[in-house]
Amino acid sequence: MTNGPITDWSNLAGAHVEIRQQGAAICTGTVDAVTEDGSILWVYAEPYGRRLFEKAEYFEAWAAEERLGFHYRMAMGWTRPVPGQ
């Protein structure tokens, strides 16, 4: 898992995150959408539904599961099988 907050929100769509504000956990859910500049994101979290969070209001997004980095490493290391081997 990450050791700190994710600073670039622009690529978080679909990620499972924990939202914190001043160190307190607010909610955990899936990023539904992000603004192009990465300053605002929407998180879908049960039972709250869809919520908006802004960096300007001191919200932080933290990785809520280790799979984020794991999938990236797996994708980078995958090679096409060679027939007959």
Protein backbone atom coordinates (compact mmCIF):
# COMPACT_ATOMS: atom_id res chain seq x y z
CA MET A 1 0.00 0.00 0.00
CA THR A 2 0.94 3.59 -0.35
CA ASN A 3 2.80 5.31 2.49
CA GLY A 4 0.97 8.58 2.07
CA PRO A 5 -1.80 10.39 0.28
CA ILE A 6 -2.05 10.11 -3.50
CA THR A 7 -1.10 13.54 -4.81
CA ASP A 8 -2.26 13.15 -8.43
CA TRP A 9 -5.99 12.42 -8.46
CA SER A 10 -6.35 12.71 -12.23
CA ASN A 11 -5.79 8.97 -12.83
CA LEU A 12 -7.86 7.58 -9.96
CA ALA A 13 -11.12 6.80 -11.81
CA GLY A 14 -12.10 3.23 -10.89
CA ALA A 15 -9.64 3.00 -7.98
CA HIS A 16 -10.69 1.91 -4.49
CA VAL A 17 -9.64 4.69 -2.10
CA GLU A 18 -10.01 5.88 1.46
CA ILE A 19 -10.82 9.58 1.80
CA ARG A 20 -9.29 11.37 4.78
CA GLN A 21 -9.48 14.91 6.08
CA GLN A 22 -6.98 16.15 8.67
CA GLY A 23 -6.00 12.55 9.41
CA ALA A 24 -9.53 11.29 10.02
CA ALA A 25 -11.01 8.63 7.72
CA ILE A 26 -14.19 9.98 6.08
CA CYS A 27 -15.21 7.09 3.81
CA THR A 28 -13.90 4.26 1.66
CA GLY A 29 -15.21 3.61 -1.82
CA THR A 30 -14.64 3.56 -5.56
CA VAL A 31 -13.68 6.70 -7.47
CA ASP A 32 -16.56 7.27 -9.87
CA ALA A 33 -15.18 10.32 -11.69
CA VAL A 34 -12.39 12.89 -11.53
CA THR A 35 -12.08 16.37 -12.99
CA GLU A 36 -9.51 16.76 -15.76
CA ASP A 37 -7.18 18.79 -13.53
CA GLY A 38 -7.50 16.23 -10.71
CA SER A 39 -8.70 18.76 -8.12
CA ILE A 40 -12.12 17.15 -7.51
CA LEU A 41 -13.23 13.53 -7.38
CA TRP A 42 -16.48 11.70 -6.78
CA VAL A 43 -16.46 8.56 -4.66
CA TYR A 44 -19.25 6.00 -4.53
CA ALA A 45 -19.40 4.54 -1.04
CA GLU A 46 -22.12 2.49 0.66
CA PRO A 47 -24.34 3.57 2.37
CA TYR A 48 -23.67 7.21 1.46
CA GLY A 49 -23.92 6.95 -2.31
CA ARG A 50 -21.94 9.31 -4.52
CA ARG A 51 -19.98 12.07 -2.75
CA LEU A 52 -17.81 14.92 -4.01
CA PHE A 53 -14.41 15.71 -2.47
CA GLU A 54 -12.14 18.68 -3.26
CA LYS A 55 -8.41 18.92 -2.60
CA ALA A 56 -8.94 22.61 -1.74
CA GLU A 57 -10.98 21.48 1.29
CA TYR A 58 -8.00 19.43 2.58
CA PHE A 59 -9.37 16.03 1.61
CA GLU A 60 -6.78 13.34 0.82
CA ALA A 61 -7.16 10.13 -1.19
CA TRP A 62 -5.25 7.10 0.06
CA ALA A 63 -5.04 3.70 -1.67
CA ALA A 64 -7.50 1.39 0.09
CA GLU A 65 -6.13 -1.81 -1.37
CA GLU A 66 -2.81 -3.13 -2.51
CA ARG A 67 -4.15 -4.24 -5.91
CA LEU A 68 -3.59 -0.81 -7.47
CA GLY A 69 0.18 -1.25 -7.68
CA PHE A 70 -0.04 -5.03 -8.11
CA HIS A 71 -2.10 -4.78 -11.31
CA TYR A 72 0.31 -2.25 -12.75
CA ARG A 73 3.32 -4.49 -12.12
CA MET A 74 1.50 -7.49 -13.58
CA ALA A 75 0.57 -5.58 -16.73
CA MET A 76 4.14 -4.39 -17.22
CA GLY A 77 5.57 -7.90 -16.82
CA TRP A 78 3.14 -9.82 -19.02
CA THR A 79 4.37 -11.25 -22.32
CA ARG A 80 2.45 -13.02 -25.07
CA PRO A 81 2.88 -16.82 -24.92
CA VAL A 82 4.88 -18.33 -27.77
CA PRO A 83 3.05 -21.19 -29.51
CA GLY A 84 4.74 -24.55 -29.06
CA GLN A 85 6.66 -23.64 -25.91
